[in-house]
Structure formats: structure tokens, C-alpha cells
């Protein structure tokens, strides 16, 4: 269940992201919020309420950081190759 929650969190982060900014598309924002709430509930069910929320925050932080670094790496590679 933890792996499913991690994948749903990653999906939620991708839906909220639009080239490094929060998306302006309302449908994407709603899907993102729904996915992140589902991930939080899954982790709360598995770890307990308070610990599950903190695990979710940690997972979302790590995935968000990796997504940001990966995007920066792609942008730097495309700038230098041009």
C-alpha cells in the first residue's frame, strides 16, 4: 500500500506541475488535490493518522525535490546542447 501511495503522490505532483509552476488548469488542480488526498488517506490508514501525515509530507517533499532537480538537469542539458 505504501508503494501505491508513493505512485499516487507522484501522479498528484505531476498533475499540479506545469513547467515548474502551479498549473492554472482547474481540472488538473482538482485531480492533483484528489490524488494527494488519496495518498494521504492511504498512508494514514497504514501508519496511523499523525505518523501517516508526516510520512506523506516526507514522501511529497522528496518526490518534489527530485522532480525539480530532474527538470533543472533537463533544462541545463537542453541549453548547453543548443
N, C-alpha and C. Protein backbone atom coordinates (compact mmCIF):
# COMPACT_ATOMS: atom_id res chain seq x y z
N UNK A 1 0.82 -1.18 0.00
CA UNK A 1 0.00 0.00 0.00
C UNK A 1 0.87 1.26 0.00
N UNK A 2 2.04 1.16 0.59
CA UNK A 2 2.95 2.31 0.60
C UNK A 2 3.41 2.66 -0.81
N UNK A 3 3.68 1.64 -1.60
CA UNK A 3 4.14 1.89 -2.98
C UNK A 3 3.02 2.54 -3.79
N UNK A 4 1.79 2.09 -3.58
CA UNK A 4 0.66 2.71 -4.28
C UNK A 4 0.53 4.18 -3.87
N UNK A 5 0.68 4.45 -2.57
CA UNK A 5 0.59 5.83 -2.09
C UNK A 5 1.70 6.69 -2.68
N UNK A 6 2.90 6.14 -2.80
CA UNK A 6 4.01 6.89 -3.40
C UNK A 6 3.73 7.19 -4.87
N UNK A 7 3.21 6.21 -5.60
CA UNK A 7 2.88 6.43 -7.01
C UNK A 7 1.75 7.44 -7.17
N UNK A 8 0.75 7.38 -6.30
CA UNK A 8 -0.35 8.35 -6.38
C UNK A 8 0.16 9.75 -6.03
N UNK A 9 1.07 9.85 -5.07
CA UNK A 9 1.67 11.14 -4.73
C UNK A 9 2.44 11.70 -5.92
N UNK A 10 3.22 10.86 -6.57
CA UNK A 10 3.98 11.30 -7.74
C UNK A 10 3.04 11.77 -8.85
N UNK A 11 1.95 11.03 -9.06
CA UNK A 11 0.96 11.43 -10.06
C UNK A 11 0.35 12.79 -9.70
N UNK A 12 0.04 12.98 -8.42
CA UNK A 12 -0.52 14.25 -7.97
C UNK A 12 0.44 15.41 -8.17
N UNK A 13 1.71 15.16 -7.91
CA UNK A 13 2.70 16.22 -8.11
C UNK A 13 2.86 16.55 -9.60
N UNK A 14 2.83 15.54 -10.44
CA UNK A 14 2.94 15.79 -11.88
C UNK A 14 1.73 16.55 -12.42
N UNK A 15 0.55 16.24 -11.90
CA UNK A 15 -0.65 16.93 -12.36
C UNK A 15 -0.65 18.39 -11.91
N UNK A 16 -0.05 18.69 -10.77
CA UNK A 16 -0.03 20.07 -10.28
C UNK A 16 1.05 20.91 -10.95
N UNK A 17 2.02 20.25 -11.58
CA UNK A 17 3.17 20.96 -12.13
C UNK A 17 2.94 21.29 -13.60
N UNK A 18 3.28 22.50 -13.96
CA UNK A 18 3.24 22.91 -15.37
C UNK A 18 4.49 23.71 -15.66
N UNK A 19 5.53 23.01 -16.09
CA UNK A 19 6.83 23.62 -16.39
C UNK A 19 7.40 24.38 -15.20
N UNK A 20 7.33 23.78 -14.03
CA UNK A 20 7.93 24.38 -12.85
C UNK A 20 7.03 25.31 -12.06
N UNK A 21 5.79 25.52 -12.53
CA UNK A 21 4.84 26.38 -11.83
C UNK A 21 3.59 25.58 -11.53
N UNK A 22 2.78 26.11 -10.61
CA UNK A 22 1.49 25.50 -10.33
C UNK A 22 0.59 25.69 -11.55
N UNK A 23 -0.05 24.64 -11.96
CA UNK A 23 -0.88 24.71 -13.16
C UNK A 23 -2.07 25.64 -12.96
N UNK A 24 -2.46 26.31 -14.03
CA UNK A 24 -3.62 27.19 -13.98
C UNK A 24 -4.90 26.45 -14.37
N UNK A 25 -4.75 25.23 -14.87
CA UNK A 25 -5.89 24.43 -15.29
C UNK A 25 -6.62 23.90 -14.05
N UNK A 26 -7.89 24.25 -13.91
CA UNK A 26 -8.67 23.88 -12.74
C UNK A 26 -8.85 22.37 -12.64
N UNK A 27 -9.04 21.71 -13.78
CA UNK A 27 -9.23 20.25 -13.76
C UNK A 27 -7.96 19.56 -13.26
N UNK A 28 -6.80 20.00 -13.73
CA UNK A 28 -5.54 19.42 -13.26
C UNK A 28 -5.34 19.68 -11.77
N UNK A 29 -5.72 20.85 -11.30
CA UNK A 29 -5.60 21.15 -9.87
C UNK A 29 -6.51 20.23 -9.05
N UNK A 30 -7.73 20.01 -9.50
CA UNK A 30 -8.65 19.15 -8.77
C UNK A 30 -8.19 17.70 -8.76
N UNK A 31 -7.70 17.22 -9.90
CA UNK A 31 -7.17 15.86 -9.97
C UNK A 31 -5.96 15.72 -9.06
N UNK A 32 -5.12 16.73 -9.04
CA UNK A 32 -3.94 16.72 -8.17
C UNK A 32 -4.33 16.68 -6.70
N UNK A 33 -5.28 17.52 -6.31
CA UNK A 33 -5.73 17.53 -4.92
C UNK A 33 -6.34 16.19 -4.55
N UNK A 34 -7.16 15.63 -5.43
CA UNK A 34 -7.77 14.34 -5.15
C UNK A 34 -6.72 13.25 -4.99
N UNK A 35 -5.72 13.23 -5.87
CA UNK A 35 -4.66 12.22 -5.79
C UNK A 35 -3.85 12.38 -4.50
N UNK A 36 -3.54 13.61 -4.12
CA UNK A 36 -2.76 13.83 -2.90
C UNK A 36 -3.56 13.48 -1.66
N UNK A 37 -4.87 13.73 -1.67
CA UNK A 37 -5.72 13.34 -0.54
C UNK A 37 -5.80 11.82 -0.44
N UNK A 38 -5.94 11.14 -1.57
CA UNK A 38 -5.98 9.67 -1.57
C UNK A 38 -4.67 9.10 -1.03
N UNK A 39 -3.55 9.68 -1.44
CA UNK A 39 -2.25 9.22 -0.94
C UNK A 39 -2.14 9.44 0.56
N UNK A 40 -2.62 10.58 1.04
CA UNK A 40 -2.58 10.86 2.48
C UNK A 40 -3.44 9.87 3.24
N UNK A 41 -4.62 9.58 2.73
CA UNK A 41 -5.51 8.63 3.41
C UNK A 41 -4.90 7.24 3.43
N UNK A 42 -4.29 6.82 2.32
CA UNK A 42 -3.64 5.51 2.29
C UNK A 42 -2.53 5.40 3.33
N UNK A 43 -1.72 6.44 3.42
CA UNK A 43 -0.63 6.41 4.39
C UNK A 43 -1.15 6.52 5.82
N UNK A 44 -2.20 7.29 6.03
CA UNK A 44 -2.80 7.38 7.38
C UNK A 44 -3.41 6.05 7.79
N UNK A 45 -4.00 5.34 6.84
CA UNK A 45 -4.57 4.04 7.13
C UNK A 45 -3.48 3.04 7.52
N UNK A 46 -2.34 3.13 6.86
CA UNK A 46 -1.27 2.17 7.12
C UNK A 46 -0.46 2.51 8.36
N UNK A 47 -0.15 3.80 8.58
CA UNK A 47 0.76 4.18 9.66
C UNK A 47 0.07 4.83 10.85
N UNK A 48 -1.21 5.10 10.76
CA UNK A 48 -1.87 5.88 11.80
C UNK A 48 -1.95 7.33 11.32
N UNK A 49 -2.85 8.08 11.96
CA UNK A 49 -3.16 9.41 11.44
C UNK A 49 -1.96 10.36 11.44
N UNK A 50 -1.41 10.62 12.58
CA UNK A 50 -0.33 11.61 12.67
C UNK A 50 0.93 11.15 11.95
N UNK A 51 1.32 9.90 12.18
CA UNK A 51 2.53 9.40 11.52
C UNK A 51 2.32 9.32 10.01
N UNK A 52 1.12 8.96 9.57
CA UNK A 52 0.83 8.89 8.14
C UNK A 52 0.92 10.24 7.47
N UNK A 53 0.45 11.29 8.16
CA UNK A 53 0.56 12.64 7.59
C UNK A 53 2.02 13.04 7.45
N UNK A 54 2.82 12.74 8.47
CA UNK A 54 4.24 13.09 8.39
C UNK A 54 4.97 12.26 7.34
N UNK A 55 4.60 11.00 7.18
CA UNK A 55 5.20 10.18 6.12
C UNK A 55 4.82 10.76 4.76
N UNK A 56 3.55 11.17 4.60
CA UNK A 56 3.12 11.78 3.34
C UNK A 56 3.92 13.05 3.05
N UNK A 57 4.08 13.90 4.06
CA UNK A 57 4.85 15.13 3.85
C UNK A 57 6.28 14.83 3.44
N UNK A 58 6.88 13.82 4.04
CA UNK A 58 8.24 13.43 3.68
C UNK A 58 8.32 12.90 2.26
N UNK A 59 7.37 12.04 1.90
CA UNK A 59 7.35 11.47 0.54
C UNK A 59 7.13 12.58 -0.49
N UNK A 60 6.17 13.47 -0.24
CA UNK A 60 5.90 14.56 -1.17
C UNK A 60 7.10 15.49 -1.29
N UNK A 61 7.79 15.75 -0.19
CA UNK A 61 8.96 16.62 -0.24
C UNK A 61 10.08 16.01 -1.05
N UNK A 62 10.34 14.73 -0.82
CA UNK A 62 11.42 14.06 -1.56
C UNK A 62 11.09 13.99 -3.05
N UNK A 63 9.87 13.58 -3.37
CA UNK A 63 9.49 13.49 -4.78
C UNK A 63 9.48 14.86 -5.45
N UNK A 64 9.01 15.89 -4.76
CA UNK A 64 9.02 17.24 -5.32
C UNK A 64 10.42 17.75 -5.56
N UNK A 65 11.32 17.46 -4.63
CA UNK A 65 12.72 17.86 -4.80
C UNK A 65 13.35 17.13 -5.98
N UNK A 66 13.11 15.83 -6.09
CA UNK A 66 13.68 15.08 -7.20
C UNK A 66 13.11 15.54 -8.54
N UNK A 67 11.82 15.84 -8.57
CA UNK A 67 11.21 16.35 -9.80
C UNK A 67 11.82 17.69 -10.20
N UNK A 68 12.03 18.56 -9.22
CA UNK A 68 12.63 19.87 -9.50
C UNK A 68 14.06 19.73 -10.01
N UNK A 69 14.85 18.88 -9.36
CA UNK A 69 16.24 18.68 -9.78
C UNK A 69 16.31 18.02 -11.16
N UNK A 70 15.42 17.09 -11.42
CA UNK A 70 15.40 16.43 -12.73
C UNK A 70 15.04 17.42 -13.83
N UNK A 71 14.07 18.29 -13.57
CA UNK A 71 13.71 19.31 -14.55
C UNK A 71 14.86 20.28 -14.80
N UNK A 72 15.53 20.70 -13.73
CA UNK A 72 16.67 21.60 -13.88
C UNK A 72 17.77 20.94 -14.70
N UNK A 73 18.01 19.66 -14.46
CA UNK A 73 19.03 18.93 -15.21
C UNK A 73 18.65 18.87 -16.69
N UNK A 74 17.39 18.60 -16.98
CA UNK A 74 16.95 18.56 -18.38
C UNK A 74 17.06 19.92 -19.06
N UNK A 75 16.71 20.99 -18.33
CA UNK A 75 16.79 22.34 -18.90
C UNK A 75 18.24 22.72 -19.16
N UNK A 76 19.13 22.42 -18.21
CA UNK A 76 20.55 22.74 -18.40
C UNK A 76 21.14 21.95 -19.56
N UNK A 77 20.76 20.70 -19.71
CA UNK A 77 21.26 19.90 -20.84
C UNK A 77 20.75 20.44 -22.16
N UNK A 78 19.51 20.88 -22.22
CA UNK A 78 18.97 21.37 -23.49
C UNK A 78 19.56 22.74 -23.84
N UNK A 79 19.92 23.55 -22.84
CA UNK A 79 20.54 24.85 -23.10
C UNK A 79 21.95 24.66 -23.63
N UNK A 80 22.69 23.73 -23.02
CA UNK A 80 24.08 23.54 -23.43
C UNK A 80 24.19 22.81 -24.77
N UNK A 81 23.20 22.02 -25.12
CA UNK A 81 23.28 21.30 -26.39
C UNK A 81 22.84 22.16 -27.58
N UNK A 82 22.19 23.28 -27.33
CA UNK A 82 21.72 24.15 -28.42
C UNK A 82 22.84 24.96 -29.03
